[in-house]
Amino acid sequence: MNLWVVAAVENELNIVRAELSAGFGGMAGGHRYYRASWGRHSVYLGVTGVGIVSAAVAVTAFACTIGADRIIMIGSAGAYPGSGLQIGDVAVASSETFSELGVREGPGIGNGGALGVSDVEQTILLDKGLARDLAHAANEAAHAGSGRFLTVAGVSEDLGCAATRDRHFGALVENMEGYALASAGQKLGIEVGEVRGISNYAGNRDKGAWNLDAANERAQAVVPAYLRKYLQ
C-alpha cells in the first residue's frame, strides 16, 4: 500500500517525519515529499501548500506521479462556536463542504445547488471506514470530535462571520485545504481522511490567543497511533 500523509506546511509534518525517519523523496508537481516505510507499506509525507488550489494541485500530483491508495490530511483548524471543541482538541472529518462554492448568499457563504449544474457537489463525504479508524486513533492523542468540516477560500474575519457560517453549515471547524482532498479522493478513487488540531476559535484573529504548536503536535500524534493500530 502507498499511504500519503499530507499537510499544508512543513512544520505540520515534522514530528511524523522524525518518528518515521522519513527521507527526502523528491518533487511532484512542484511540491516536496518525503518517503518512509511502515512494515510492508510505503508511507509518503507531502507538503501541499496553503489553500484549496495549491492543495488540489499537490494531492493530484502526488497521486498521479507516485500513486496513492490512501491519503490522510493533517494540520490545524479554527473551531466554530457550536462545535464544543477547545484549543488543543482534535477533530476528524466525516465530510468536507466548500463554503464559498456557488451563488453568494452572504459573507463567506455560497449555495452550490443554486448554480443549477448537476455535477457540482458543495459537500463531499470522506471514507467512512477511514474516518472511524482515525477517530479511534485521535481519542488516544487528545479529546476528539468528529463531523463536518468547512473549507473556506478566506478564513472568518471576525466572530460574527464564524457564527454565521456555523449556523448555515453546522460544521465543526474551518480550514483551507480539505475540500481539495475530498474532491481528489472522489475523482481518483482514493480513500481519504482528515485530522485537524484545534489551534484557535474561528473568527478570533488575535494570534496571541492561538496555540498552533499544541494543534500541530496533537494532529500529528494521531498518525503513529493510526499506523500502530490499523496498518499492519
Protein backbone atom coordinates (compact mmCIF):
# COMPACT_ATOMS: atom_id res chain seq x y z
CA MET A 1 0.00 0.00 0.00
CA ASN A 2 1.03 3.59 -0.68
CA LEU A 3 -0.17 5.74 2.21
CA TRP A 4 0.20 9.51 1.98
CA VAL A 5 0.11 11.89 4.92
CA VAL A 6 -0.17 15.46 3.66
CA ALA A 7 -0.23 18.87 5.28
CA ALA A 8 -0.20 22.48 4.11
CA VAL A 9 3.22 23.39 5.55
CA GLU A 10 6.40 21.57 6.59
CA ASN A 11 6.07 22.06 10.35
CA GLU A 12 2.73 20.25 10.29
CA LEU A 13 4.67 17.12 9.27
CA ASN A 14 7.95 17.47 11.19
CA ILE A 15 7.02 15.22 14.13
CA VAL A 16 5.74 12.42 11.89
CA ARG A 17 8.75 12.81 9.62
CA ALA A 18 11.15 12.38 12.57
CA GLU A 19 9.22 9.47 14.06
CA LEU A 20 9.20 7.57 10.77
CA SER A 21 12.78 8.60 9.85
CA ALA A 22 11.43 9.78 6.52
CA GLY A 23 14.00 10.92 3.96
CA PHE A 24 13.59 13.35 1.09
CA GLY A 25 11.75 11.61 -1.74
CA GLY A 26 11.61 14.26 -4.45
CA MET A 27 9.20 16.72 -6.01
CA ALA A 28 5.84 16.12 -7.68
CA GLY A 29 4.04 18.97 -9.40
CA GLY A 30 6.42 21.39 -7.69
CA HIS A 31 5.57 20.02 -4.23
CA ARG A 32 8.08 18.41 -1.87
CA TYR A 33 7.56 14.94 -0.44
CA TYR A 34 9.36 12.52 1.88
CA ARG A 35 9.38 8.73 1.98
CA ALA A 36 9.44 6.16 4.78
CA SER A 37 8.40 2.55 5.33
CA TRP A 38 5.97 1.03 7.79
CA GLY A 39 6.28 -2.74 7.64
CA ARG A 40 5.47 -3.73 4.08
CA HIS A 41 3.84 -0.38 3.33
CA SER A 42 5.30 2.77 1.79
CA VAL A 43 4.45 5.96 3.67
CA TYR A 44 4.87 9.29 1.89
CA LEU A 45 4.71 12.70 3.54
CA GLY A 46 3.71 15.54 1.22
CA VAL A 47 3.59 19.32 1.59
CA THR A 48 0.59 20.74 -0.29
CA GLY A 49 0.96 24.46 0.30
CA VAL A 50 -1.77 26.66 1.77
CA GLY A 51 -5.21 26.98 0.22
CA ILE A 52 -7.58 24.90 -1.84
CA VAL A 53 -5.93 25.49 -5.24
CA SER A 54 -2.42 24.58 -4.11
CA ALA A 55 -3.76 21.56 -2.23
CA ALA A 56 -5.71 20.34 -5.26
CA VAL A 57 -2.60 20.54 -7.47
CA ALA A 58 -0.40 18.84 -4.87
CA VAL A 59 -2.72 15.98 -3.95
CA THR A 60 -3.40 15.21 -7.62
CA ALA A 61 0.32 15.34 -8.45
CA PHE A 62 1.21 13.02 -5.57
CA ALA A 63 -1.50 10.53 -6.51
CA CYS A 64 -0.79 10.55 -10.25
CA THR A 65 3.02 10.73 -10.12
CA ILE A 66 3.80 8.32 -7.27
CA GLY A 67 0.49 6.53 -6.70
CA ALA A 68 -1.79 6.63 -3.66
CA ASP A 69 -4.11 4.07 -2.12
CA ARG A 70 -4.97 6.18 0.91
CA ILE A 71 -4.38 9.82 1.86
CA ILE A 72 -4.65 11.38 5.31
CA MET A 73 -4.52 15.17 5.60
CA ILE A 74 -3.39 16.67 8.91
CA GLY A 75 -2.96 20.22 10.16
CA SER A 76 -4.64 22.89 12.24
CA ALA A 77 -8.09 24.45 12.15
CA GLY A 78 -10.32 27.01 13.80
CA ALA A 79 -13.25 25.65 15.80
CA TYR A 80 -16.77 27.02 15.34
CA PRO A 81 -18.84 28.15 18.35
CA GLY A 82 -21.24 25.21 18.19
CA SER A 83 -18.57 22.51 17.86
CA GLY A 84 -17.90 22.04 21.58
CA LEU A 85 -14.20 21.81 20.75
CA GLN A 86 -11.48 23.59 22.71
CA ILE A 87 -8.00 24.70 21.73
CA GLY A 88 -5.75 21.63 21.77
CA ASP A 89 -8.57 19.21 20.90
CA VAL A 90 -8.55 17.14 17.70
CA ALA A 91 -11.27 16.90 15.05
CA VAL A 92 -11.80 14.18 12.43
CA ALA A 93 -13.74 14.92 9.24
CA SER A 94 -16.75 12.93 8.08
CA SER A 95 -17.25 15.27 5.10
CA GLU A 96 -15.93 18.47 3.56
CA THR A 97 -18.06 21.38 2.36
CA PHE A 98 -16.69 24.26 0.27
CA SER A 99 -18.16 27.34 1.89
CA GLU A 100 -17.97 29.85 -0.97
CA LEU A 101 -18.90 27.48 -3.81
CA GLY A 102 -21.98 28.55 -5.78
CA VAL A 103 -24.22 31.61 -5.72
CA ARG A 104 -23.25 34.04 -2.98
CA GLU A 105 -25.84 34.21 -0.20
CA GLY A 106 -23.84 36.14 2.36
CA PRO A 107 -20.32 36.90 3.53
CA GLY A 108 -18.28 33.73 3.05
CA ILE A 109 -21.36 31.68 2.12
CA GLY A 110 -22.31 30.21 -1.25
CA ASN A 111 -25.07 27.89 -2.44
CA GLY A 112 -23.74 25.26 -4.83
CA GLY A 113 -27.20 23.97 -5.65
CA ALA A 114 -28.33 27.38 -6.86
CA LEU A 115 -25.92 27.16 -9.80
CA GLY A 116 -28.19 24.55 -11.39
CA VAL A 117 -25.23 22.44 -12.54
CA SER A 118 -25.79 18.74 -11.89
CA ASP A 119 -22.20 17.71 -11.17
CA VAL A 120 -21.39 20.46 -8.67
CA GLU A 121 -21.17 18.98 -5.18
CA GLN A 122 -20.70 21.51 -2.42
CA THR A 123 -20.37 18.72 0.16
CA ILE A 124 -18.30 15.56 -0.38
CA LEU A 125 -18.25 12.62 2.03
CA LEU A 126 -14.92 11.20 3.16
CA ASP A 127 -14.26 7.48 3.52
CA LYS A 128 -16.40 6.21 6.43
CA GLY A 129 -14.12 3.37 7.48
CA LEU A 130 -11.02 5.55 7.50
CA ALA A 131 -12.85 8.30 9.40
CA ARG A 132 -13.89 5.74 12.02
CA ASP A 133 -10.35 4.43 12.41
CA LEU A 134 -8.88 7.93 12.60
CA ALA A 135 -11.43 8.89 15.24
CA HIS A 136 -10.39 5.93 17.39
CA ALA A 137 -6.73 6.85 16.94
CA ALA A 138 -7.46 10.51 17.66
CA ASN A 139 -9.00 9.65 21.01
CA GLU A 140 -5.63 8.21 22.02
CA ALA A 141 -3.94 11.55 21.29
CA ALA A 142 -6.41 14.08 22.72
CA HIS A 143 -10.04 14.87 23.32
CA ALA A 144 -11.54 14.40 19.86
CA GLY A 145 -14.70 15.15 17.93
CA SER A 146 -15.95 14.00 14.52
CA GLY A 147 -18.20 15.66 11.97
CA ARG A 148 -18.47 18.01 9.02
CA PHE A 149 -15.53 20.24 8.12
CA LEU A 150 -15.85 23.50 6.18
CA THR A 151 -13.22 24.51 3.63
CA VAL A 152 -13.01 28.25 3.11
CA ALA A 153 -11.24 30.35 0.49
CA GLY A 154 -10.87 33.06 3.13
CA VAL A 155 -10.97 32.41 6.87
CA SER A 156 -13.60 34.11 9.04
CA GLU A 157 -12.54 37.69 9.66
CA ASP A 158 -14.39 38.02 12.95
CA LEU A 159 -16.58 36.11 15.41
CA GLY A 160 -19.74 37.27 13.63
CA CYS A 161 -18.68 35.71 10.32
CA ALA A 162 -17.72 32.50 12.11
CA ALA A 163 -21.10 32.36 13.89
CA THR A 164 -22.92 32.89 10.58
CA ARG A 165 -21.01 30.07 8.91
CA ASP A 166 -21.60 27.88 11.94
CA ARG A 167 -25.36 28.42 11.77
CA HIS A 168 -25.52 27.96 7.99
CA PHE A 169 -23.35 24.87 7.59
CA GLY A 170 -23.26 23.21 11.02
CA ALA A 171 -19.58 22.35 10.66
CA LEU A 172 -17.11 21.69 13.46
CA VAL A 173 -14.17 23.62 12.06
CA GLU A 174 -12.94 25.71 9.16
CA ASN A 175 -9.78 25.04 7.15
CA MET A 176 -8.36 26.00 3.76
CA GLU A 177 -7.46 22.71 2.03
CA GLY A 178 -9.76 19.81 2.92
CA TYR A 179 -12.28 20.08 0.08
CA ALA A 180 -9.41 19.63 -2.40
CA LEU A 181 -8.55 16.33 -0.70
CA ALA A 182 -12.17 15.19 -0.71
CA SER A 183 -12.64 16.06 -4.39
CA ALA A 184 -9.40 14.34 -5.44
CA GLY A 185 -10.32 11.24 -3.47
CA GLN A 186 -13.74 11.08 -5.07
CA LYS A 187 -12.49 11.58 -8.62
CA LEU A 188 -9.40 9.36 -8.37
CA GLY A 189 -10.93 6.56 -6.31
CA ILE A 190 -8.66 7.04 -3.28
CA GLU A 191 -9.63 6.55 0.36
CA VAL A 192 -9.16 9.91 2.09
CA GLY A 193 -9.38 11.08 5.68
CA GLU A 194 -8.63 14.30 7.55
CA VAL A 195 -7.47 15.16 11.06
CA ARG A 196 -7.07 18.70 12.42
CA GLY A 197 -5.80 20.00 15.73
CA ILE A 198 -7.70 23.00 17.09
CA SER A 199 -5.38 25.99 17.18
CA ASN A 200 -7.94 28.76 17.69
CA TYR A 201 -11.60 29.70 17.63
CA ALA A 202 -12.74 30.64 14.13
CA GLY A 203 -13.01 34.40 13.72
CA ASN A 204 -10.60 35.26 16.53
CA ARG A 205 -7.72 36.95 14.70
CA ASP A 206 -5.71 37.63 17.87
CA LYS A 207 -2.87 35.18 17.33
CA GLY A 208 -1.74 35.67 20.90
CA ALA A 209 -4.77 33.56 21.85
CA TRP A 210 -3.88 30.76 19.43
CA ASN A 211 -1.87 27.61 20.14
CA LEU A 212 -0.56 26.31 16.83
CA ASP A 213 2.10 24.17 18.49
CA ALA A 214 -0.43 22.16 20.50
CA ALA A 215 -2.72 21.82 17.48
CA ASN A 216 0.05 20.54 15.24
CA GLU A 217 1.52 18.20 17.85
CA ARG A 218 -1.81 16.54 18.59
CA ALA A 219 -2.87 16.20 14.96
CA GLN A 220 0.49 14.60 14.15
CA ALA A 221 0.22 12.27 17.17
CA VAL A 222 -2.82 10.67 15.53
CA VAL A 223 -0.69 9.35 12.65
CA PRO A 224 1.55 6.92 14.60
CA ALA A 225 -1.46 5.89 16.70
CA TYR A 226 -3.31 5.07 13.48
CA LEU A 227 -0.32 3.23 11.99
CA ARG A 228 0.18 1.07 15.08
CA LYS A 229 -3.50 0.21 15.34
CA TYR A 230 -4.65 -0.15 11.76
CA LEU A 231 -1.76 -0.50 9.30
CA GLN A 232 -0.17 -3.91 9.78
